[in-house]
Amino acid sequence: MEIVNLGQKFSLFSNYWSPKIVGELNGQQVKIVKLKGEFVWRRVLLEPASTLNTGNIKSDRTVEELQRL
């Protein structure tokens, strides 16, 4: 098992609304994302590998292949 330093992974990118994959476990991808709004947020997401970054809606923001860090 590999230990992932989430703080270090967050420091590798600065763009918002662009999830990055940092690991996988039992068919789930561990994703991190920076969100911008009233506050700047950082989130860790556990989602099935088939989940698009825009959910079940495809738009110009949809990314078919997320970057792995």
PDB file of N, CA and C in Angstrom:
ATOM      1  N   MET A   1       0.847  -1.170   0.000  1.00  0.00           N
ATOM      2  CA  MET A   1       0.000   0.000   0.000  1.00  0.00           C
ATOM      3  C   MET A   1       0.897   1.238   0.000  1.00  0.00           C
ATOM      4  N   GLU A   2       0.558   2.207  -0.812  1.00  0.00           N
ATOM      5  CA  GLU A   2       1.316   3.447  -0.920  1.00  0.00           C
ATOM      6  C   GLU A   2       0.634   4.553  -0.109  1.00  0.00           C
ATOM      7  N   ILE A   3       1.417   5.275   0.670  1.00  0.00           N
ATOM      8  CA  ILE A   3       0.890   6.415   1.422  1.00  0.00           C
ATOM      9  C   ILE A   3       0.947   7.646   0.525  1.00  0.00           C
ATOM     10  N   VAL A   4      -0.162   8.387   0.450  1.00  0.00           N
ATOM     11  CA  VAL A   4      -0.247   9.583  -0.386  1.00  0.00           C
ATOM     12  C   VAL A   4      -0.361  10.804   0.517  1.00  0.00           C
ATOM     13  N   ASN A   5       0.531  11.767   0.328  1.00  0.00           N
ATOM     14  CA  ASN A   5       0.505  13.015   1.074  1.00  0.00           C
ATOM     15  C   ASN A   5      -0.416  13.982   0.324  1.00  0.00           C
ATOM     16  N   LEU A   6      -1.634  14.163   0.815  1.00  0.00           N
ATOM     17  CA  LEU A   6      -2.613  14.990   0.101  1.00  0.00           C
ATOM     18  C   LEU A   6      -2.181  16.445   0.014  1.00  0.00           C
ATOM     19  N   GLY A   7      -1.562  16.974   1.056  1.00  0.00           N
ATOM     20  CA  GLY A   7      -1.075  18.353   1.008  1.00  0.00           C
ATOM     21  C   GLY A   7      -0.067  18.554  -0.106  1.00  0.00           C
ATOM     22  N   GLN A   8       0.824  17.595  -0.271  1.00  0.00           N
ATOM     23  CA  GLN A   8       1.821  17.669  -1.344  1.00  0.00           C
ATOM     24  C   GLN A   8       1.150  17.571  -2.708  1.00  0.00           C
ATOM     25  N   LYS A   9       0.162  16.693  -2.838  1.00  0.00           N
ATOM     26  CA  LYS A   9      -0.544  16.545  -4.113  1.00  0.00           C
ATOM     27  C   LYS A   9      -1.305  17.824  -4.477  1.00  0.00           C
ATOM     28  N   PHE A  10      -1.955  18.455  -3.483  1.00  0.00           N
ATOM     29  CA  PHE A  10      -2.653  19.711  -3.745  1.00  0.00           C
ATOM     30  C   PHE A  10      -1.687  20.800  -4.214  1.00  0.00           C
ATOM     31  N   SER A  11      -0.448  20.751  -3.750  1.00  0.00           N
ATOM     32  CA  SER A  11       0.524  21.784  -4.131  1.00  0.00           C
ATOM     33  C   SER A  11       0.998  21.640  -5.573  1.00  0.00           C
ATOM     34  N   LEU A  12       0.689  20.522  -6.226  1.00  0.00           N
ATOM     35  CA  LEU A  12       1.145  20.283  -7.593  1.00  0.00           C
ATOM     36  C   LEU A  12       0.307  20.972  -8.663  1.00  0.00           C
ATOM     37  N   PHE A  13      -0.842  21.537  -8.271  1.00  0.00           N
ATOM     38  CA  PHE A  13      -1.675  22.218  -9.257  1.00  0.00           C
ATOM     39  C   PHE A  13      -2.373  23.405  -8.620  1.00  0.00           C
ATOM     40  N   SER A  14      -2.764  24.364  -9.474  1.00  0.00           N
ATOM     41  CA  SER A  14      -3.397  25.577  -8.955  1.00  0.00           C
ATOM     42  C   SER A  14      -4.759  25.848  -9.585  1.00  0.00           C
ATOM     43  N   ASN A  15      -5.100  25.110 -10.635  1.00  0.00           N
ATOM     44  CA  ASN A  15      -6.373  25.373 -11.311  1.00  0.00           C
ATOM     45  C   ASN A  15      -7.551  24.827 -10.507  1.00  0.00           C
ATOM     46  N   TYR A  16      -8.669  25.527 -10.600  1.00  0.00           N
ATOM     47  CA  TYR A  16      -9.888  25.161  -9.890  1.00  0.00           C
ATOM     48  C   TYR A  16     -10.795  24.329 -10.789  1.00  0.00           C
ATOM     49  N   TRP A  17     -11.701  23.588 -10.180  1.00  0.00           N
ATOM     50  CA  TRP A  17     -12.725  22.796 -10.872  1.00  0.00           C
ATOM     51  C   TRP A  17     -12.110  21.778 -11.826  1.00  0.00           C
ATOM     52  N   SER A  18     -10.953  21.245 -11.462  1.00  0.00           N
ATOM     53  CA  SER A  18     -10.277  20.266 -12.310  1.00  0.00           C
ATOM     54  C   SER A  18      -9.776  19.105 -11.440  1.00  0.00           C
ATOM     55  N   PRO A  19     -10.634  18.097 -11.192  1.00  0.00           N
ATOM     56  CA  PRO A  19     -10.237  16.986 -10.319  1.00  0.00           C
ATOM     57  C   PRO A  19      -9.007  16.250 -10.845  1.00  0.00           C
ATOM     58  N   LYS A  20      -8.209  15.757  -9.928  1.00  0.00           N
ATOM     59  CA  LYS A  20      -7.019  14.958 -10.240  1.00  0.00           C
ATOM     60  C   LYS A  20      -7.132  13.642  -9.482  1.00  0.00           C
ATOM     61  N   ILE A  21      -6.683  12.564 -10.085  1.00  0.00           N
ATOM     62  CA  ILE A  21      -6.710  11.244  -9.463  1.00  0.00           C
ATOM     63  C   ILE A  21      -5.409  11.053  -8.678  1.00  0.00           C
ATOM     64  N   VAL A  22      -5.531  10.668  -7.400  1.00  0.00           N
ATOM     65  CA  VAL A  22      -4.343  10.433  -6.582  1.00  0.00           C
ATOM     66  C   VAL A  22      -4.238   8.988  -6.101  1.00  0.00           C
ATOM     67  N   GLY A  23      -5.234   8.169  -6.399  1.00  0.00           N
ATOM     68  CA  GLY A  23      -5.179   6.770  -6.012  1.00  0.00           C
ATOM     69  C   GLY A  23      -6.425   6.021  -6.425  1.00  0.00           C
ATOM     70  N   GLU A  24      -6.393   4.699  -6.226  1.00  0.00           N
ATOM     71  CA  GLU A  24      -7.545   3.854  -6.539  1.00  0.00           C
ATOM     72  C   GLU A  24      -7.666   2.776  -5.471  1.00  0.00           C
ATOM     73  N   LEU A  25      -8.897   2.381  -5.198  1.00  0.00           N
ATOM     74  CA  LEU A  25      -9.152   1.355  -4.196  1.00  0.00           C
ATOM     75  C   LEU A  25     -10.484   0.682  -4.502  1.00  0.00           C
ATOM     76  N   ASN A  26     -10.474  -0.609  -4.734  1.00  0.00           N
ATOM     77  CA  ASN A  26     -11.699  -1.388  -4.962  1.00  0.00           C
ATOM     78  C   ASN A  26     -12.617  -0.785  -6.017  1.00  0.00           C
ATOM     79  N   GLY A  27     -12.064  -0.405  -7.153  1.00  0.00           N
ATOM     80  CA  GLY A  27     -12.875   0.147  -8.238  1.00  0.00           C
ATOM     81  C   GLY A  27     -13.274   1.599  -8.043  1.00  0.00           C
ATOM     82  N   GLN A  28     -12.834   2.207  -6.968  1.00  0.00           N
ATOM     83  CA  GLN A  28     -13.113   3.616  -6.696  1.00  0.00           C
ATOM     84  C   GLN A  28     -11.840   4.422  -6.943  1.00  0.00           C
ATOM     85  N   GLN A  29     -12.003   5.618  -7.470  1.00  0.00           N
ATOM     86  CA  GLN A  29     -10.869   6.516  -7.629  1.00  0.00           C
ATOM     87  C   GLN A  29     -10.877   7.535  -6.501  1.00  0.00           C
ATOM     88  N   VAL A  30      -9.708   7.816  -5.983  1.00  0.00           N
ATOM     89  CA  VAL A  30      -9.540   8.869  -4.978  1.00  0.00           C
ATOM     90  C   VAL A  30      -9.114  10.109  -5.756  1.00  0.00           C
ATOM     91  N   LYS A  31      -9.972  11.139  -5.705  1.00  0.00           N
ATOM     92  CA  LYS A  31      -9.731  12.350  -6.479  1.00  0.00           C
ATOM     93  C   LYS A  31      -9.624  13.539  -5.542  1.00  0.00           C
ATOM     94  N   ILE A  32      -8.798  14.508  -5.938  1.00  0.00           N
ATOM     95  CA  ILE A  32      -8.735  15.758  -5.201  1.00  0.00           C
ATOM     96  C   ILE A  32      -9.103  16.886  -6.158  1.00  0.00           C
ATOM     97  N   VAL A  33      -9.687  17.932  -5.604  1.00  0.00           N
ATOM     98  CA  VAL A  33     -10.124  19.054  -6.440  1.00  0.00           C
ATOM     99  C   VAL A  33     -10.092  20.322  -5.606  1.00  0.00           C
ATOM    100  N   LYS A  34      -9.729  21.419  -6.242  1.00  0.00           N
ATOM    101  CA  LYS A  34      -9.805  22.735  -5.610  1.00  0.00           C
ATOM    102  C   LYS A  34     -11.045  23.425  -6.158  1.00  0.00           C
ATOM    103  N   LEU A  35     -11.868  23.927  -5.265  1.00  0.00           N
ATOM    104  CA  LEU A  35     -13.093  24.618  -5.653  1.00  0.00           C
ATOM    105  C   LEU A  35     -12.958  26.081  -5.288  1.00  0.00           C
ATOM    106  N   LYS A  36     -13.548  26.938  -6.094  1.00  0.00           N
ATOM    107  CA  LYS A  36     -13.481  28.368  -5.819  1.00  0.00           C
ATOM    108  C   LYS A  36     -14.893  28.915  -5.730  1.00  0.00           C
ATOM    109  N   GLY A  37     -15.110  29.737  -4.752  1.00  0.00           N
ATOM    110  CA  GLY A  37     -16.412  30.352  -4.541  1.00  0.00           C
ATOM    111  C   GLY A  37     -16.240  31.414  -3.476  1.00  0.00           C
ATOM    112  N   GLU A  38     -17.189  31.490  -2.571  1.00  0.00           N
ATOM    113  CA  GLU A  38     -17.080  32.442  -1.474  1.00  0.00           C
ATOM    114  C   GLU A  38     -15.806  32.168  -0.664  1.00  0.00           C
ATOM    115  N   PHE A  39     -15.469  30.895  -0.540  1.00  0.00           N
ATOM    116  CA  PHE A  39     -14.231  30.485   0.113  1.00  0.00           C
ATOM    117  C   PHE A  39     -13.489  29.585  -0.860  1.00  0.00           C
ATOM    118  N   VAL A  40     -12.188  29.474  -0.725  1.00  0.00           N
ATOM    119  CA  VAL A  40     -11.429  28.501  -1.520  1.00  0.00           C
ATOM    120  C   VAL A  40     -11.467  27.189  -0.760  1.00  0.00           C
ATOM    121  N   TRP A  41     -11.932  26.116  -1.399  1.00  0.00           N
ATOM    122  CA  TRP A  41     -12.098  24.815  -0.764  1.00  0.00           C
ATOM    123  C   TRP A  41     -11.196  23.781  -1.427  1.00  0.00           C
ATOM    124  N   ARG A  42     -10.817  22.809  -0.641  1.00  0.00           N
ATOM    125  CA  ARG A  42     -10.108  21.634  -1.150  1.00  0.00           C
ATOM    126  C   ARG A  42     -10.934  20.437  -0.734  1.00  0.00           C
ATOM    127  N   ARG A  43     -11.097  19.513  -1.627  1.00  0.00           N
ATOM    128  CA  ARG A  43     -11.932  18.346  -1.340  1.00  0.00           C
ATOM    129  C   ARG A  43     -11.249  17.069  -1.805  1.00  0.00           C
ATOM    130  N   VAL A  44     -11.553  15.995  -1.084  1.00  0.00           N
ATOM    131  CA  VAL A  44     -11.164  14.650  -1.472  1.00  0.00           C
ATOM    132  C   VAL A  44     -12.446  13.913  -1.797  1.00  0.00           C
ATOM    133  N   LEU A  45     -12.488  13.281  -2.961  1.00  0.00           N
ATOM    134  CA  LEU A  45     -13.678  12.582  -3.435  1.00  0.00           C
ATOM    135  C   LEU A  45     -13.364  11.101  -3.612  1.00  0.00           C
ATOM    136  N   LEU A  46     -14.283  10.242  -3.243  1.00  0.00           N
ATOM    137  CA  LEU A  46     -14.207   8.813  -3.539  1.00  0.00           C
ATOM    138  C   LEU A  46     -15.359   8.509  -4.475  1.00  0.00           C
ATOM    139  N   GLU A  47     -15.023   8.184  -5.717  1.00  0.00           N
ATOM    140  CA  GLU A  47     -16.061   7.971  -6.729  1.00  0.00           C
ATOM    141  C   GLU A  47     -15.722   6.754  -7.567  1.00  0.00           C
ATOM    142  N   PRO A  48     -16.741   6.077  -8.117  1.00  0.00           N
ATOM    143  CA  PRO A  48     -16.471   4.998  -9.062  1.00  0.00           C
ATOM    144  C   PRO A  48     -15.620   5.526 -10.223  1.00  0.00           C
ATOM    145  N   ALA A  49     -14.744   4.683 -10.729  1.00  0.00           N
ATOM    146  CA  ALA A  49     -13.848   5.091 -11.809  1.00  0.00           C
ATOM    147  C   ALA A  49     -14.605   5.604 -13.030  1.00  0.00           C
ATOM    148  N   SER A  50     -15.839   5.193 -13.209  1.00  0.00           N
ATOM    149  CA  SER A  50     -16.622   5.593 -14.383  1.00  0.00           C
ATOM    150  C   SER A  50     -17.291   6.965 -14.236  1.00  0.00           C
ATOM    151  N   THR A  51     -17.215   7.584 -13.055  1.00  0.00           N
ATOM    152  CA  THR A  51     -17.890   8.857 -12.819  1.00  0.00           C
ATOM    153  C   THR A  51     -17.140  10.002 -13.493  1.00  0.00           C
ATOM    154  N   LEU A  52     -17.846  10.750 -14.338  1.00  0.00           N
ATOM    155  CA  LEU A  52     -17.256  11.916 -14.994  1.00  0.00           C
ATOM    156  C   LEU A  52     -17.175  13.077 -14.005  1.00  0.00           C
ATOM    157  N   ASN A  53     -16.292  14.012 -14.271  1.00  0.00           N
ATOM    158  CA  ASN A  53     -16.153  15.173 -13.384  1.00  0.00           C
ATOM    159  C   ASN A  53     -17.395  16.058 -13.388  1.00  0.00           C
ATOM    160  N   THR A  54     -18.261  15.900 -14.367  1.00  0.00           N
ATOM    161  CA  THR A  54     -19.499  16.678 -14.427  1.00  0.00           C
ATOM    162  C   THR A  54     -20.723  15.810 -14.137  1.00  0.00           C
ATOM    163  N   GLY A  55     -20.503  14.659 -13.501  1.00  0.00           N
ATOM    164  CA  GLY A  55     -21.610  13.768 -13.170  1.00  0.00           C
ATOM    165  C   GLY A  55     -22.162  13.097 -14.409  1.00  0.00           C
ATOM    166  N   ASN A  56     -23.473  13.108 -14.557  1.00  0.00           N
ATOM    167  CA  ASN A  56     -24.089  12.448 -15.719  1.00  0.00           C
ATOM    168  C   ASN A  56     -24.415  13.428 -16.842  1.00  0.00           C
ATOM    169  N   ILE A  57     -23.887  14.649 -16.757  1.00  0.00           N
ATOM    170  CA  ILE A  57     -24.113  15.666 -17.788  1.00  0.00           C
ATOM    171  C   ILE A  57     -22.800  15.937 -18.508  1.00  0.00           C
ATOM    172  N   LYS A  58     -22.826  15.838 -19.826  1.00  0.00           N
ATOM    173  CA  LYS A  58     -21.630  16.165 -20.611  1.00  0.00           C
ATOM    174  C   LYS A  58     -21.743  17.605 -21.100  1.00  0.00           C
ATOM    175  N   SER A  59     -20.661  18.354 -20.911  1.00  0.00           N
ATOM    176  CA  SER A  59     -20.628  19.751 -21.343  1.00  0.00           C
ATOM    177  C   SER A  59     -19.195  20.087 -21.755  1.00  0.00           C
ATOM    178  N   ASP A  60     -18.944  21.369 -22.010  1.00  0.00           N
ATOM    179  CA  ASP A  60     -17.597  21.784 -22.385  1.00  0.00           C
ATOM    180  C   ASP A  60     -16.615  21.659 -21.219  1.00  0.00           C
ATOM    181  N   ARG A  61     -17.107  21.470 -20.001  1.00  0.00           N
ATOM    182  CA  ARG A  61     -16.247  21.272 -18.826  1.00  0.00           C
ATOM    183  C   ARG A  61     -15.953  19.800 -18.556  1.00  0.00           C
ATOM    184  N   THR A  62     -16.591  18.897 -19.278  1.00  0.00           N
ATOM    185  CA  THR A  62     -16.390  17.467 -19.065  1.00  0.00           C
ATOM    186  C   THR A  62     -14.986  17.066 -19.501  1.00  0.00           C
ATOM    187  N   VAL A  63     -14.305  16.315 -18.646  1.00  0.00           N
ATOM    188  CA  VAL A  63     -12.980  15.773 -18.951  1.00  0.00           C
ATOM    189  C   VAL A  63     -13.106  14.256 -18.945  1.00  0.00           C
ATOM    190  N   GLU A  64     -12.880  13.639 -20.084  1.00  0.00           N
ATOM    191  CA  GLU A  64     -13.027  12.182 -20.207  1.00  0.00           C
ATOM    192  C   GLU A  64     -11.929  11.432 -19.453  1.00  0.00           C
ATOM    193  N   GLU A  65     -10.696  11.925 -19.497  1.00  0.00           N
ATOM    194  CA  GLU A  65      -9.554  11.294 -18.825  1.00  0.00           C
ATOM    195  C   GLU A  65      -8.950  12.283 -17.849  1.00  0.00           C
ATOM    196  N   LEU A  66      -9.112  12.046 -16.557  1.00  0.00           N
ATOM    197  CA  LEU A  66      -8.543  12.936 -15.550  1.00  0.00           C
ATOM    198  C   LEU A  66      -7.046  12.697 -15.417  1.00  0.00           C
ATOM    199  N   GLN A  67      -6.329  13.739 -15.069  1.00  0.00           N
ATOM    200  CA  GLN A  67      -4.886  13.654 -14.847  1.00  0.00           C
ATOM    201  C   GLN A  67      -4.610  12.892 -13.556  1.00  0.00           C
ATOM    202  N   ARG A  68      -3.590  12.035 -13.595  1.00  0.00           N
ATOM    203  CA  ARG A  68      -3.156  11.318 -12.400  1.00  0.00           C
ATOM    204  C   ARG A  68      -1.928  12.006 -11.852  1.00  0.00           C
ATOM    205  N   LEU A  69      -1.946  12.241 -10.554  1.00  0.00           N
ATOM    206  CA  LEU A  69      -0.793  12.867  -9.900  1.00  0.00           C
ATOM    207  C   LEU A  69       0.007  11.824  -9.141  1.00  0.00           C
TER     208      LEU A  69
END
